Amino acid sequence: QVQLVESGGGLVQPGGSLRLSCAASGILFSVYDMAWHRQAPGNERELVAAITSGDKTNYTDSVKGRFTISRDNAKNTVHLQINSLTPADTAVYYCNARHERFSAPQYWGQGTQVTVSS
């Protein structure tokens, strides 16, 4: 059974930082591309950051320079360091796993809430 479990969300003031983590089990983590998506109320889910099995990263433009995705294959974990948070970053953040060679199936975590407010 595949499980992705996110943690690290919370309430933070504008300008603050959080580190999100996603622990994966039930997959051979090292051959999966990992990603973080987010969904704000009333909006569609959007890709925020991704890291391939080969450690190539990409980010959506709105988070470049503020968010950093990384992975630890020894711990089957992917992290998202988020800095300089603004209220526009408020959303549920979801972890996603997709095999490096196959587009399906994809796996999702249950999400972790990030709220940026003063």
C-alpha atoms as a PDB file:
ATOM      1  CA  GLN A   1       0.000   0.000   0.000  1.00  0.00           C
ATOM      2  CA  VAL A   2       1.388   3.334  -1.063  1.00  0.00           C
ATOM      3  CA  GLN A   3       1.268   6.157   1.451  1.00  0.00           C
ATOM      4  CA  LEU A   4       2.410   9.741   1.232  1.00  0.00           C
ATOM      5  CA  VAL A   5       2.186  11.598   4.516  1.00  0.00           C
ATOM      6  CA  GLU A   6       2.746  15.349   4.590  1.00  0.00           C
ATOM      7  CA  SER A   7       3.678  17.361   7.645  1.00  0.00           C
ATOM      8  CA  GLY A   8       4.977  20.778   8.581  1.00  0.00           C
ATOM      9  CA  GLY A   9       2.085  23.021   7.668  1.00  0.00           C
ATOM     10  CA  GLY A  10       0.671  25.645   9.968  1.00  0.00           C
ATOM     11  CA  LEU A  11      -0.114  29.280  10.559  1.00  0.00           C
ATOM     12  CA  VAL A  12       2.695  31.710   9.836  1.00  0.00           C
ATOM     13  CA  GLN A  13       2.990  35.467   9.547  1.00  0.00           C
ATOM     14  CA  PRO A  14       3.825  37.148   6.232  1.00  0.00           C
ATOM     15  CA  GLY A  15       7.538  36.966   5.611  1.00  0.00           C
ATOM     16  CA  GLY A  16       7.869  33.793   7.619  1.00  0.00           C
ATOM     17  CA  SER A  17       9.098  30.344   6.667  1.00  0.00           C
ATOM     18  CA  LEU A  18       7.975  26.758   6.872  1.00  0.00           C
ATOM     19  CA  ARG A  19       9.480  23.433   5.960  1.00  0.00           C
ATOM     20  CA  LEU A  20       7.075  20.867   4.605  1.00  0.00           C
ATOM     21  CA  SER A  21       7.936  17.197   4.561  1.00  0.00           C
ATOM     22  CA  CYS A  22       6.434  14.219   2.788  1.00  0.00           C
ATOM     23  CA  ALA A  23       7.273  10.709   3.908  1.00  0.00           C
ATOM     24  CA  ALA A  24       6.657   8.004   1.346  1.00  0.00           C
ATOM     25  CA  SER A  25       6.142   4.294   1.874  1.00  0.00           C
ATOM     26  CA  GLY A  26       5.144   1.411  -0.355  1.00  0.00           C
ATOM     27  CA  ILE A  27       7.148   2.631  -3.351  1.00  0.00           C
ATOM     28  CA  LEU A  28      10.738   2.396  -4.487  1.00  0.00           C
ATOM     29  CA  PHE A  29      11.247   6.044  -3.687  1.00  0.00           C
ATOM     30  CA  SER A  30      14.480   6.535  -5.622  1.00  0.00           C
ATOM     31  CA  VAL A  31      12.805   5.911  -8.987  1.00  0.00           C
ATOM     32  CA  TYR A  32       9.922   8.289  -8.420  1.00  0.00           C
ATOM     33  CA  ASP A  33       9.678  11.886  -9.479  1.00  0.00           C
ATOM     34  CA  MET A  34       8.259  13.873  -6.583  1.00  0.00           C
ATOM     35  CA  ALA A  35       6.330  17.108  -6.558  1.00  0.00           C
ATOM     36  CA  TRP A  36       4.450  19.549  -4.393  1.00  0.00           C
ATOM     37  CA  HIS A  37       1.151  20.968  -5.548  1.00  0.00           C
ATOM     38  CA  ARG A  38      -1.140  23.378  -3.786  1.00  0.00           C
ATOM     39  CA  GLN A  39      -4.780  24.289  -3.892  1.00  0.00           C
ATOM     40  CA  ALA A  40      -6.274  27.464  -2.509  1.00  0.00           C
ATOM     41  CA  PRO A  41     -10.022  27.806  -1.896  1.00  0.00           C
ATOM     42  CA  GLY A  42     -11.845  28.360  -5.177  1.00  0.00           C
ATOM     43  CA  ASN A  43      -8.731  27.636  -7.229  1.00  0.00           C
ATOM     44  CA  GLU A  44      -7.535  24.652  -9.177  1.00  0.00           C
ATOM     45  CA  ARG A  45      -4.671  22.578  -7.863  1.00  0.00           C
ATOM     46  CA  GLU A  46      -1.377  23.858  -9.242  1.00  0.00           C
ATOM     47  CA  LEU A  47       2.118  22.476  -9.446  1.00  0.00           C
ATOM     48  CA  VAL A  48       4.473  24.383  -7.168  1.00  0.00           C
ATOM     49  CA  ALA A  49       7.763  22.499  -7.353  1.00  0.00           C
ATOM     50  CA  ALA A  50       9.054  19.202  -8.643  1.00  0.00           C
ATOM     51  CA  ILE A  51      12.195  17.121  -8.352  1.00  0.00           C
ATOM     52  CA  THR A  52      13.015  14.199 -10.581  1.00  0.00           C
ATOM     53  CA  SER A  53      14.591  10.926  -9.549  1.00  0.00           C
ATOM     54  CA  GLY A  54      17.794  12.431 -10.909  1.00  0.00           C
ATOM     55  CA  ASP A  55      17.488  15.550  -8.711  1.00  0.00           C
ATOM     56  CA  LYS A  56      16.488  17.969 -11.452  1.00  0.00           C
ATOM     57  CA  THR A  57      14.172  20.615 -10.065  1.00  0.00           C
ATOM     58  CA  ASN A  58      11.644  23.024 -11.467  1.00  0.00           C
ATOM     59  CA  TYR A  59       9.378  25.633  -9.926  1.00  0.00           C
ATOM     60  CA  THR A  60       6.353  27.613 -10.884  1.00  0.00           C
ATOM     61  CA  ASP A  61       7.309  31.232 -11.516  1.00  0.00           C
ATOM     62  CA  SER A  62       5.524  32.649  -8.488  1.00  0.00           C
ATOM     63  CA  VAL A  63       7.707  30.701  -6.044  1.00  0.00           C
ATOM     64  CA  LYS A  64      11.094  30.838  -7.743  1.00  0.00           C
ATOM     65  CA  GLY A  65      13.722  32.124  -5.353  1.00  0.00           C
ATOM     66  CA  ARG A  66      11.503  31.523  -2.327  1.00  0.00           C
ATOM     67  CA  PHE A  67      10.767  27.788  -2.376  1.00  0.00           C
ATOM     68  CA  THR A  68      13.301  24.975  -2.461  1.00  0.00           C
ATOM     69  CA  ILE A  69      12.436  21.340  -3.063  1.00  0.00           C
ATOM     70  CA  SER A  70      14.810  18.592  -1.999  1.00  0.00           C
ATOM     71  CA  ARG A  71      14.742  14.857  -1.481  1.00  0.00           C
ATOM     72  CA  ASP A  72      16.411  12.353   0.818  1.00  0.00           C
ATOM     73  CA  ASN A  73      16.324   8.937  -0.808  1.00  0.00           C
ATOM     74  CA  ALA A  74      17.765   7.292   2.286  1.00  0.00           C
ATOM     75  CA  LYS A  75      14.728   8.459   4.278  1.00  0.00           C
ATOM     76  CA  ASN A  76      12.131   8.247   1.488  1.00  0.00           C
ATOM     77  CA  THR A  77      11.314  11.877   2.117  1.00  0.00           C
ATOM     78  CA  VAL A  78      10.839  14.991   0.044  1.00  0.00           C
ATOM     79  CA  HIS A  79      10.940  18.459   1.566  1.00  0.00           C
ATOM     80  CA  LEU A  80       9.725  21.868   0.542  1.00  0.00           C
ATOM     81  CA  GLN A  81      11.408  24.820   2.198  1.00  0.00           C
ATOM     82  CA  ILE A  82       9.176  27.837   1.798  1.00  0.00           C
ATOM     83  CA  ASN A  83      10.453  31.311   2.644  1.00  0.00           C
ATOM     84  CA  SER A  84       9.180  34.869   2.409  1.00  0.00           C
ATOM     85  CA  LEU A  85       5.620  33.662   2.650  1.00  0.00           C
ATOM     86  CA  THR A  86       2.764  35.892   1.543  1.00  0.00           C
ATOM     87  CA  PRO A  87      -0.987  35.504   1.993  1.00  0.00           C
ATOM     88  CA  ALA A  88      -1.124  34.358  -1.641  1.00  0.00           C
ATOM     89  CA  ASP A  89       0.743  31.212  -0.570  1.00  0.00           C
ATOM     90  CA  THR A  90      -2.152  30.167   1.653  1.00  0.00           C
ATOM     91  CA  ALA A  91      -3.343  26.782   0.428  1.00  0.00           C
ATOM     92  CA  VAL A  92      -3.423  23.089   1.106  1.00  0.00           C
ATOM     93  CA  TYR A  93      -0.103  21.652  -0.037  1.00  0.00           C
ATOM     94  CA  TYR A  94      -0.107  18.140  -1.505  1.00  0.00           C
ATOM     95  CA  CYS A  95       2.732  15.741  -2.089  1.00  0.00           C
ATOM     96  CA  ASN A  96       2.724  13.812  -5.369  1.00  0.00           C
ATOM     97  CA  ALA A  97       4.686  10.805  -6.574  1.00  0.00           C
ATOM     98  CA  ARG A  98       4.999   9.560 -10.130  1.00  0.00           C
ATOM     99  CA  HIS A  99       7.289   6.854 -11.446  1.00  0.00           C
ATOM    100  CA  GLU A 100      10.192   8.255 -13.469  1.00  0.00           C
ATOM    101  CA  ARG A 101       9.137   6.273 -16.544  1.00  0.00           C
ATOM    102  CA  PHE A 102       5.377   5.932 -16.296  1.00  0.00           C
ATOM    103  CA  SER A 103       2.758   8.659 -16.058  1.00  0.00           C
ATOM    104  CA  ALA A 104       0.312   6.437 -14.190  1.00  0.00           C
ATOM    105  CA  PRO A 105      -0.508   5.663 -11.526  1.00  0.00           C
ATOM    106  CA  GLN A 106       0.209   8.788  -9.540  1.00  0.00           C
ATOM    107  CA  TYR A 107      -0.013   8.947  -5.789  1.00  0.00           C
ATOM    108  CA  TRP A 108      -1.144  11.796  -3.579  1.00  0.00           C
ATOM    109  CA  GLY A 109      -0.899  12.627   0.072  1.00  0.00           C
ATOM    110  CA  GLN A 110      -3.752  13.950   2.152  1.00  0.00           C
ATOM    111  CA  GLY A 111      -2.395  17.497   2.178  1.00  0.00           C
ATOM    112  CA  THR A 112      -1.134  19.903   4.795  1.00  0.00           C
ATOM    113  CA  GLN A 113      -2.620  23.341   5.377  1.00  0.00           C
ATOM    114  CA  VAL A 114      -0.425  26.419   5.099  1.00  0.00           C
ATOM    115  CA  THR A 115      -2.018  29.659   6.242  1.00  0.00           C
ATOM    116  CA  VAL A 116      -0.195  32.956   5.947  1.00  0.00           C
ATOM    117  CA  SER A 117      -1.820  35.685   7.981  1.00  0.00           C
ATOM    118  CA  SER A 118      -0.941  38.441  10.405  1.00  0.00           C
END
